[in-house]
Amino acid sequence: MANTTYIDVGSGDALVFLHGFCESKQVWAAFMKPLQQKFRTIALDLPGHGNNIANISEYSMESMAEDVKLQLEKLNVKRCIMIGHSMGGYVSMAFAEKYGPMLSGLCLFHSSAFADTDEKKENRSKSIGYVERHGVDNFINPFVEPLFYRENRGRLKEEINMMKDIGTQTPKESVIGALTAMRDRPDRSYILKELKCPVLFIFGKNDGAVPLDKALEQCHLPSDSMVYFIDETGHMGMFEHPFKTGKTLEKFAETIYG
C-alpha cells in the first residue's frame, strides 16, 4: 500500500478522511485506528499531495472533489461520512455541492464553508510569491508549528516533524496550485443550509486559521448539526487531542449508522 493514494482499513459503513494543505493521508493514520474496529476507514491523498501527484491538469476545489469521487468509485464506496480537515473541508464542500446524495454525513474538522476574507486572500497571494522566490522548504518549516496551540508544541515535536516532512515533500507546483485554489474558492455556506445529511463541526478554541467568530457563524446553518469546541487546541485536533476528537466523531457516526 506504500505507493497508493489511499489507506483503507476496517469494514462496514465508510468514513472517508480528507487531509489539509501540504498534508497527506498519513496525518490520519494513527487517528483512524480506534475507529477501524467499527467502521471502514479510508484516507485519501488529494491531488498534488502524498502519492497523488500524477496527471494533474488543474488545481481547484472542484477538480479535487472530482478526483475524490473517482477514488471512491474505484474503492466501491457509494455512500460515506466525509471528514475534511482544513483544505480537505473545502474539498468536502465542493464534493457536497456536486455529489451530495453520496454523503450520509459531513464533518468539517477545523475548516469552513466560507470563502477567504480579503485579508486572507492577500496572505495566500503573498505565500504564493514567497514559495516562488524561496521554495517549499523555506515556506513549510516556519508554517507548521503555529498550526499547533503553543502549549502543545513541546509534547508533539514528533508530529510536528512528521508534518514538516510531509509538507517539504509536496511539489512546488502543488503548493502554489493549492494556495491559488484555496484563495479563489467560492463561499459554499449555502450548501450547509441545503444538505440533507447531518453535519459535525470540530473547532479548536485556539485555532488561528478558523477564528471562533467564523466558526459560530456557520455551525447553525445545517438543519441537523453537532458542534464540538475544544479548548487548548489549535488547527490540528487529530494530533493535539486525538481521543476527544476521535470519540466525538465516533459518536456522530454512530448516530448516523446506528
C-alpha atoms as a PDB file:
ATOM      1  CA  MET A   1       0.000   0.000   0.000  1.00  0.00           C
ATOM      2  CA  ALA A   2       3.056   2.263   0.257  1.00  0.00           C
ATOM      3  CA  ASN A   3       2.613   3.792  -3.197  1.00  0.00           C
ATOM      4  CA  THR A   4      -1.187   4.008  -3.292  1.00  0.00           C
ATOM      5  CA  THR A   5      -3.191   7.195  -2.905  1.00  0.00           C
ATOM      6  CA  TYR A   6      -5.279   5.786  -0.068  1.00  0.00           C
ATOM      7  CA  ILE A   7      -5.352   3.919   3.257  1.00  0.00           C
ATOM      8  CA  ASP A   8      -8.333   1.559   3.522  1.00  0.00           C
ATOM      9  CA  VAL A   9      -8.739  -0.399   6.777  1.00  0.00           C
ATOM     10  CA  GLY A  10     -11.703  -1.886   8.604  1.00  0.00           C
ATOM     11  CA  SER A  11     -15.134  -2.928   7.355  1.00  0.00           C
ATOM     12  CA  GLY A  12     -18.728  -1.777   7.470  1.00  0.00           C
ATOM     13  CA  ASP A  13     -20.045   1.731   6.877  1.00  0.00           C
ATOM     14  CA  ALA A  14     -17.451   4.083   5.444  1.00  0.00           C
ATOM     15  CA  LEU A  15     -15.687   7.076   6.971  1.00  0.00           C
ATOM     16  CA  VAL A  16     -13.666   8.973   4.347  1.00  0.00           C
ATOM     17  CA  PHE A  17     -10.909  11.311   5.564  1.00  0.00           C
ATOM     18  CA  LEU A  18      -9.541  14.213   3.504  1.00  0.00           C
ATOM     19  CA  HIS A  19      -6.343  15.910   4.686  1.00  0.00           C
ATOM     20  CA  GLY A  20      -5.419  19.580   4.590  1.00  0.00           C
ATOM     21  CA  PHE A  21      -2.966  21.764   2.680  1.00  0.00           C
ATOM     22  CA  CYS A  22       0.567  20.351   2.355  1.00  0.00           C
ATOM     23  CA  GLU A  23      -0.522  17.224   4.251  1.00  0.00           C
ATOM     24  CA  SER A  24      -1.237  13.673   3.102  1.00  0.00           C
ATOM     25  CA  LYS A  25      -3.317  10.653   4.070  1.00  0.00           C
ATOM     26  CA  GLN A  26      -0.644   9.863   6.682  1.00  0.00           C
ATOM     27  CA  VAL A  27      -1.911  12.585   9.059  1.00  0.00           C
ATOM     28  CA  TRP A  28      -4.970  10.374   9.656  1.00  0.00           C
ATOM     29  CA  ALA A  29      -3.186   7.010  10.030  1.00  0.00           C
ATOM     30  CA  ALA A  30      -2.969   6.894  13.844  1.00  0.00           C
ATOM     31  CA  PHE A  31      -6.205   8.817  14.380  1.00  0.00           C
ATOM     32  CA  MET A  32      -8.241   6.287  12.385  1.00  0.00           C
ATOM     33  CA  LYS A  33      -7.053   3.199  14.262  1.00  0.00           C
ATOM     34  CA  PRO A  34      -9.646   3.209  17.094  1.00  0.00           C
ATOM     35  CA  LEU A  35     -12.412   3.795  14.522  1.00  0.00           C
ATOM     36  CA  GLN A  36     -11.365   0.778  12.449  1.00  0.00           C
ATOM     37  CA  GLN A  37     -12.973  -1.572  14.968  1.00  0.00           C
ATOM     38  CA  LYS A  38     -16.434  -0.271  13.975  1.00  0.00           C
ATOM     39  CA  PHE A  39     -16.137   1.305  10.545  1.00  0.00           C
ATOM     40  CA  ARG A  40     -14.390   1.088   7.210  1.00  0.00           C
ATOM     41  CA  THR A  41     -11.895   3.963   7.406  1.00  0.00           C
ATOM     42  CA  ILE A  42     -10.451   5.430   4.217  1.00  0.00           C
ATOM     43  CA  ALA A  43      -7.919   8.251   3.998  1.00  0.00           C
ATOM     44  CA  LEU A  44      -7.195   9.676   0.546  1.00  0.00           C
ATOM     45  CA  ASP A  45      -4.325  11.693  -0.887  1.00  0.00           C
ATOM     46  CA  LEU A  46      -5.741  14.805  -2.534  1.00  0.00           C
ATOM     47  CA  PRO A  47      -4.359  15.792  -5.954  1.00  0.00           C
ATOM     48  CA  GLY A  48      -0.819  17.148  -5.739  1.00  0.00           C
ATOM     49  CA  HIS A  49      -0.244  15.667  -2.284  1.00  0.00           C
ATOM     50  CA  GLY A  50       1.236  12.419  -0.955  1.00  0.00           C
ATOM     51  CA  ASN A  51       1.322   9.838  -3.749  1.00  0.00           C
ATOM     52  CA  ASN A  52      -1.383  11.542  -5.817  1.00  0.00           C
ATOM     53  CA  ILE A  53       0.903  13.707  -7.938  1.00  0.00           C
ATOM     54  CA  ALA A  54       0.494  12.390 -11.487  1.00  0.00           C
ATOM     55  CA  ASN A  55      -1.519  13.879 -14.357  1.00  0.00           C
ATOM     56  CA  ILE A  56      -2.889  16.980 -12.614  1.00  0.00           C
ATOM     57  CA  SER A  57      -4.261  19.406 -15.191  1.00  0.00           C
ATOM     58  CA  GLU A  58      -5.726  21.984 -12.795  1.00  0.00           C
ATOM     59  CA  TYR A  59      -5.909  22.881  -9.123  1.00  0.00           C
ATOM     60  CA  SER A  60      -9.342  23.773  -7.791  1.00  0.00           C
ATOM     61  CA  MET A  61     -11.640  22.548  -5.045  1.00  0.00           C
ATOM     62  CA  GLU A  62     -13.981  21.285  -7.782  1.00  0.00           C
ATOM     63  CA  SER A  63     -11.301  19.238  -9.563  1.00  0.00           C
ATOM     64  CA  MET A  64     -10.107  17.827  -6.235  1.00  0.00           C
ATOM     65  CA  ALA A  65     -13.689  16.822  -5.405  1.00  0.00           C
ATOM     66  CA  GLU A  66     -13.942  15.060  -8.785  1.00  0.00           C
ATOM     67  CA  ASP A  67     -10.717  13.177  -8.027  1.00  0.00           C
ATOM     68  CA  VAL A  68     -12.159  12.109  -4.636  1.00  0.00           C
ATOM     69  CA  LYS A  69     -15.286  10.846  -6.433  1.00  0.00           C
ATOM     70  CA  LEU A  70     -13.141   8.792  -8.838  1.00  0.00           C
ATOM     71  CA  GLN A  71     -11.085   7.311  -5.997  1.00  0.00           C
ATOM     72  CA  LEU A  72     -14.257   6.377  -4.087  1.00  0.00           C
ATOM     73  CA  GLU A  73     -15.715   4.722  -7.192  1.00  0.00           C
ATOM     74  CA  LYS A  74     -12.573   2.603  -7.520  1.00  0.00           C
ATOM     75  CA  LEU A  75     -12.942   1.632  -3.853  1.00  0.00           C
ATOM     76  CA  ASN A  76     -16.633   0.830  -4.406  1.00  0.00           C
ATOM     77  CA  VAL A  77     -17.810   3.429  -1.871  1.00  0.00           C
ATOM     78  CA  LYS A  78     -21.350   4.504  -2.715  1.00  0.00           C
ATOM     79  CA  ARG A  79     -22.146   6.424   0.489  1.00  0.00           C
ATOM     80  CA  CYS A  80     -19.971   7.680   3.326  1.00  0.00           C
ATOM     81  CA  ILE A  81     -19.441  10.139   6.114  1.00  0.00           C
ATOM     82  CA  MET A  82     -16.781  12.536   4.822  1.00  0.00           C
ATOM     83  CA  ILE A  83     -14.356  14.195   7.247  1.00  0.00           C
ATOM     84  CA  GLY A  84     -12.429  17.130   5.817  1.00  0.00           C
ATOM     85  CA  HIS A  85      -9.560  18.784   7.667  1.00  0.00           C
ATOM     86  CA  SER A  86      -8.878  22.422   6.723  1.00  0.00           C
ATOM     87  CA  MET A  87      -8.425  22.396   2.913  1.00  0.00           C
ATOM     88  CA  GLY A  88      -9.973  18.915   2.963  1.00  0.00           C
ATOM     89  CA  GLY A  89     -13.089  20.588   4.349  1.00  0.00           C
ATOM     90  CA  TYR A  90     -13.131  22.986   1.393  1.00  0.00           C
ATOM     91  CA  VAL A  91     -12.917  19.960  -0.910  1.00  0.00           C
ATOM     92  CA  SER A  92     -15.698  18.282   1.091  1.00  0.00           C
ATOM     93  CA  MET A  93     -17.937  21.295   0.499  1.00  0.00           C
ATOM     94  CA  ALA A  94     -17.253  21.159  -3.255  1.00  0.00           C
ATOM     95  CA  PHE A  95     -17.999  17.416  -3.101  1.00  0.00           C
ATOM     96  CA  ALA A  96     -21.245  18.062  -1.212  1.00  0.00           C
ATOM     97  CA  GLU A  97     -22.303  20.591  -3.846  1.00  0.00           C
ATOM     98  CA  LYS A  98     -21.838  18.116  -6.711  1.00  0.00           C
ATOM     99  CA  TYR A  99     -22.334  14.693  -5.107  1.00  0.00           C
ATOM    100  CA  GLY A 100     -24.488  15.436  -2.048  1.00  0.00           C
ATOM    101  CA  PRO A 101     -26.522  12.182  -2.247  1.00  0.00           C
ATOM    102  CA  MET A 102     -23.299  10.211  -1.616  1.00  0.00           C
ATOM    103  CA  LEU A 103     -22.953  11.759   1.841  1.00  0.00           C
ATOM    104  CA  SER A 104     -24.513  10.118   4.886  1.00  0.00           C
ATOM    105  CA  GLY A 105     -22.813  12.794   6.991  1.00  0.00           C
ATOM    106  CA  LEU A 106     -20.201  15.531   6.780  1.00  0.00           C
ATOM    107  CA  CYS A 107     -17.598  16.667   9.300  1.00  0.00           C
ATOM    108  CA  LEU A 108     -15.784  19.985   8.923  1.00  0.00           C
ATOM    109  CA  PHE A 109     -12.678  19.379  11.038  1.00  0.00           C
ATOM    110  CA  HIS A 110     -11.020  22.764  11.706  1.00  0.00           C
ATOM    111  CA  SER A 111     -12.489  24.018   8.450  1.00  0.00           C
ATOM    112  CA  SER A 112     -15.018  26.422   6.971  1.00  0.00           C
ATOM    113  CA  ALA A 113     -17.688  26.628   4.297  1.00  0.00           C
ATOM    114  CA  PHE A 114     -16.983  30.339   3.794  1.00  0.00           C
ATOM    115  CA  ALA A 115     -14.705  31.865   1.177  1.00  0.00           C
ATOM    116  CA  ASP A 116     -11.468  33.519   2.272  1.00  0.00           C
ATOM    117  CA  THR A 117     -11.699  37.060   3.599  1.00  0.00           C
ATOM    118  CA  ASP A 118      -9.945  39.757   1.576  1.00  0.00           C
ATOM    119  CA  GLU A 119      -7.137  39.748   4.143  1.00  0.00           C
ATOM    120  CA  LYS A 120      -6.694  36.003   3.896  1.00  0.00           C
ATOM    121  CA  LYS A 121      -6.728  36.135   0.086  1.00  0.00           C
ATOM    122  CA  GLU A 122      -3.945  38.704   0.243  1.00  0.00           C
ATOM    123  CA  ASN A 123      -1.963  36.450   2.597  1.00  0.00           C
ATOM    124  CA  ARG A 124      -2.420  33.487   0.221  1.00  0.00           C
ATOM    125  CA  SER A 125      -1.057  35.620  -2.642  1.00  0.00           C
ATOM    126  CA  LYS A 126       1.921  36.633  -0.501  1.00  0.00           C
ATOM    127  CA  SER A 127       2.546  32.958   0.316  1.00  0.00           C
ATOM    128  CA  ILE A 128       2.458  32.096  -3.395  1.00  0.00           C
ATOM    129  CA  GLY A 129       5.074  34.767  -4.063  1.00  0.00           C
ATOM    130  CA  TYR A 130       7.200  33.510  -1.172  1.00  0.00           C
ATOM    131  CA  VAL A 131       7.132  29.898  -2.407  1.00  0.00           C
ATOM    132  CA  GLU A 132       8.003  31.037  -5.927  1.00  0.00           C
ATOM    133  CA  ARG A 133      11.006  33.004  -4.663  1.00  0.00           C
ATOM    134  CA  HIS A 134      12.268  30.871  -1.768  1.00  0.00           C
ATOM    135  CA  GLY A 135      10.990  27.329  -2.360  1.00  0.00           C
ATOM    136  CA  VAL A 136       8.833  24.857  -0.445  1.00  0.00           C
ATOM    137  CA  ASP A 137      11.262  24.026   2.391  1.00  0.00           C
ATOM    138  CA  ASN A 138      11.647  27.655   3.452  1.00  0.00           C
ATOM    139  CA  PHE A 139       7.877  28.070   3.397  1.00  0.00           C
ATOM    140  CA  ILE A 140       6.921  24.872   5.250  1.00  0.00           C
ATOM    141  CA  ASN A 141       9.397  24.934   8.139  1.00  0.00           C
ATOM    142  CA  PRO A 142       8.012  28.108   9.780  1.00  0.00           C
ATOM    143  CA  PHE A 143       4.443  27.338   8.616  1.00  0.00           C
ATOM    144  CA  VAL A 144       3.782  24.095  10.507  1.00  0.00           C
ATOM    145  CA  GLU A 145       4.476  24.810  14.190  1.00  0.00           C
ATOM    146  CA  PRO A 146       1.982  27.712  14.565  1.00  0.00           C
ATOM    147  CA  LEU A 147      -0.800  25.339  13.464  1.00  0.00           C
ATOM    148  CA  PHE A 148      -0.482  23.751  16.934  1.00  0.00           C
ATOM    149  CA  TYR A 149      -1.540  25.511  20.150  1.00  0.00           C
ATOM    150  CA  ARG A 150       1.685  26.773  21.726  1.00  0.00           C
ATOM    151  CA  GLU A 151       1.259  24.732  24.930  1.00  0.00           C
ATOM    152  CA  ASN A 152       1.025  21.530  22.867  1.00  0.00           C
ATOM    153  CA  ARG A 153       4.122  22.021  20.723  1.00  0.00           C
ATOM    154  CA  GLY A 154       6.624  20.599  23.198  1.00  0.00           C
ATOM    155  CA  ARG A 155       4.879  17.242  23.599  1.00  0.00           C
ATOM    156  CA  LEU A 156       4.094  16.976  19.886  1.00  0.00           C
ATOM    157  CA  LYS A 157       7.570  17.512  18.424  1.00  0.00           C
ATOM    158  CA  GLU A 158       7.409  14.164  16.606  1.00  0.00           C
ATOM    159  CA  GLU A 159       4.076  15.018  14.977  1.00  0.00           C
ATOM    160  CA  ILE A 160       5.317  18.497  14.036  1.00  0.00           C
ATOM    161  CA  ASN A 161       8.402  16.986  12.409  1.00  0.00           C
ATOM    162  CA  MET A 162       6.214  14.485  10.547  1.00  0.00           C
ATOM    163  CA  MET A 163       4.085  17.347   9.240  1.00  0.00           C
ATOM    164  CA  LYS A 164       7.209  19.194   8.103  1.00  0.00           C
ATOM    165  CA  ASP A 165       8.466  16.072   6.327  1.00  0.00           C
ATOM    166  CA  ILE A 166       5.154  15.625   4.511  1.00  0.00           C
ATOM    167  CA  GLY A 167       4.980  19.323   3.649  1.00  0.00           C
ATOM    168  CA  THR A 168       8.501  19.606   2.275  1.00  0.00           C
ATOM    169  CA  GLN A 169       7.872  16.593   0.022  1.00  0.00           C
ATOM    170  CA  THR A 170       4.905  18.346  -1.597  1.00  0.00           C
ATOM    171  CA  PRO A 171       5.873  19.516  -5.116  1.00  0.00           C
ATOM    172  CA  LYS A 172       6.295  23.262  -5.576  1.00  0.00           C
ATOM    173  CA  GLU A 173       3.606  23.418  -8.276  1.00  0.00           C
ATOM    174  CA  SER A 174       1.191  21.628  -5.918  1.00  0.00           C
ATOM    175  CA  VAL A 175       1.839  24.085  -3.091  1.00  0.00           C
ATOM    176  CA  ILE A 176       1.263  27.046  -5.407  1.00  0.00           C
ATOM    177  CA  GLY A 177      -1.729  25.351  -7.061  1.00  0.00           C
ATOM    178  CA  ALA A 178      -3.382  24.549  -3.733  1.00  0.00           C
ATOM    179  CA  LEU A 179      -2.782  28.069  -2.366  1.00  0.00           C
ATOM    180  CA  THR A 180      -4.353  29.522  -5.503  1.00  0.00           C
ATOM    181  CA  ALA A 181      -7.317  27.114  -5.313  1.00  0.00           C
ATOM    182  CA  MET A 182      -7.960  27.960  -1.652  1.00  0.00           C
ATOM    183  CA  ARG A 183      -7.708  31.697  -2.335  1.00  0.00           C
ATOM    184  CA  ASP A 184     -10.133  31.541  -5.256  1.00  0.00           C
ATOM    185  CA  ARG A 185     -12.725  29.133  -3.862  1.00  0.00           C
ATOM    186  CA  PRO A 186     -16.312  30.452  -3.591  1.00  0.00           C
ATOM    187  CA  ASP A 187     -18.475  30.770  -0.499  1.00  0.00           C
ATOM    188  CA  ARG A 188     -20.320  27.470  -0.071  1.00  0.00           C
ATOM    189  CA  SER A 189     -22.127  28.239   3.182  1.00  0.00           C
ATOM    190  CA  TYR A 190     -25.440  27.913   1.312  1.00  0.00           C
ATOM    191  CA  ILE A 191     -24.632  24.223   0.799  1.00  0.00           C
ATOM    192  CA  LEU A 192     -24.730  23.746   4.566  1.00  0.00           C
ATOM    193  CA  LYS A 193     -28.329  25.014   4.525  1.00  0.00           C
ATOM    194  CA  GLU A 194     -29.293  22.676   1.671  1.00  0.00           C
ATOM    195  CA  LEU A 195     -27.549  19.477   2.833  1.00  0.00           C
ATOM    196  CA  LYS A 196     -29.868  16.585   3.619  1.00  0.00           C
ATOM    197  CA  CYS A 197     -27.352  14.857   5.916  1.00  0.00           C
ATOM    198  CA  PRO A 198     -26.155  15.722   9.456  1.00  0.00           C
ATOM    199  CA  VAL A 199     -23.058  17.904   9.832  1.00  0.00           C
ATOM    200  CA  LEU A 200     -20.446  17.771  12.596  1.00  0.00           C
ATOM    201  CA  PHE A 201     -18.202  20.765  13.258  1.00  0.00           C
ATOM    202  CA  ILE A 202     -14.987  20.331  15.256  1.00  0.00           C
ATOM    203  CA  PHE A 203     -13.206  23.564  16.164  1.00  0.00           C
ATOM    204  CA  GLY A 204     -10.124  24.402  18.209  1.00  0.00           C
ATOM    205  CA  LYS A 205     -10.648  27.368  20.518  1.00  0.00           C
ATOM    206  CA  ASN A 206      -7.077  28.476  19.821  1.00  0.00           C
ATOM    207  CA  ASP A 207      -7.170  27.980  16.053  1.00  0.00           C
ATOM    208  CA  GLY A 208      -5.762  30.989  14.221  1.00  0.00           C
ATOM    209  CA  ALA A 209      -6.836  29.583  10.853  1.00  0.00           C
ATOM    210  CA  VAL A 210     -10.560  29.269  11.744  1.00  0.00           C
ATOM    211  CA  PRO A 211     -11.345  32.001  14.289  1.00  0.00           C
ATOM    212  CA  LEU A 212     -14.198  31.423  16.744  1.00  0.00           C
ATOM    213  CA  ASP A 213     -16.426  34.119  15.235  1.00  0.00           C
ATOM    214  CA  LYS A 214     -16.265  32.411  11.820  1.00  0.00           C
ATOM    215  CA  ALA A 215     -16.880  29.051  13.479  1.00  0.00           C
ATOM    216  CA  LEU A 216     -20.006  30.349  15.207  1.00  0.00           C
ATOM    217  CA  GLU A 217     -21.334  31.923  12.012  1.00  0.00           C
ATOM    218  CA  GLN A 218     -21.610  28.591  10.210  1.00  0.00           C
ATOM    219  CA  CYS A 219     -22.493  25.948  12.792  1.00  0.00           C
ATOM    220  CA  HIS A 220     -26.197  26.877  12.957  1.00  0.00           C
ATOM    221  CA  LEU A 221     -26.708  26.730   9.166  1.00  0.00           C
ATOM    222  CA  PRO A 222     -27.412  22.983   8.670  1.00  0.00           C
ATOM    223  CA  SER A 223     -30.846  21.635   9.601  1.00  0.00           C
ATOM    224  CA  ASP A 224     -29.095  18.915  11.641  1.00  0.00           C
ATOM    225  CA  SER A 225     -25.714  19.689  13.189  1.00  0.00           C
ATOM    226  CA  MET A 226     -23.448  18.817  16.104  1.00  0.00           C
ATOM    227  CA  VAL A 227     -20.693  21.173  17.257  1.00  0.00           C
ATOM    228  CA  TYR A 228     -17.615  20.488  19.376  1.00  0.00           C
ATOM    229  CA  PHE A 229     -15.402  23.336  20.545  1.00  0.00           C
ATOM    230  CA  ILE A 230     -12.234  22.061  22.180  1.00  0.00           C
ATOM    231  CA  ASP A 231     -10.025  24.144  24.463  1.00  0.00           C
ATOM    232  CA  GLU A 232      -6.213  24.309  24.270  1.00  0.00           C
ATOM    233  CA  THR A 233      -6.334  23.207  20.645  1.00  0.00           C
ATOM    234  CA  GLY A 234      -5.108  24.926  17.519  1.00  0.00           C
ATOM    235  CA  HIS A 235      -5.654  23.688  13.975  1.00  0.00           C
ATOM    236  CA  MET A 236      -4.518  20.071  14.415  1.00  0.00           C
ATOM    237  CA  GLY A 237      -7.022  18.351  16.688  1.00  0.00           C
ATOM    238  CA  MET A 238      -6.206  14.882  15.314  1.00  0.00           C
ATOM    239  CA  PHE A 239      -2.781  15.272  16.973  1.00  0.00           C
ATOM    240  CA  GLU A 240      -3.475  17.721  19.794  1.00  0.00           C
ATOM    241  CA  HIS A 241      -6.469  15.855  21.268  1.00  0.00           C
ATOM    242  CA  PRO A 242      -6.966  12.630  19.295  1.00  0.00           C
ATOM    243  CA  PHE A 243      -9.047  10.850  21.943  1.00  0.00           C
ATOM    244  CA  LYS A 244     -11.563  13.670  22.400  1.00  0.00           C
ATOM    245  CA  THR A 245     -11.917  14.461  18.707  1.00  0.00           C
ATOM    246  CA  GLY A 246     -11.970  10.763  17.780  1.00  0.00           C
ATOM    247  CA  LYS A 247     -14.700   9.962  20.304  1.00  0.00           C
ATOM    248  CA  THR A 248     -16.759  12.921  19.089  1.00  0.00           C
ATOM    249  CA  LEU A 249     -16.514  11.653  15.525  1.00  0.00           C
ATOM    250  CA  GLU A 250     -17.325   8.096  16.628  1.00  0.00           C
ATOM    251  CA  LYS A 251     -20.496   9.259  18.418  1.00  0.00           C
ATOM    252  CA  PHE A 252     -21.509  11.299  15.363  1.00  0.00           C
ATOM    253  CA  ALA A 253     -21.037   8.284  13.087  1.00  0.00           C
ATOM    254  CA  GLU A 254     -22.997   6.049  15.470  1.00  0.00           C
ATOM    255  CA  THR A 255     -25.962   8.463  15.447  1.00  0.00           C
ATOM    256  CA  ILE A 256     -26.000   8.128  11.647  1.00  0.00           C
ATOM    257  CA  TYR A 257     -25.092   4.490  11.122  1.00  0.00           C
ATOM    258  CA  GLY A 258     -26.517   3.065  14.356  1.00  0.00           C
END
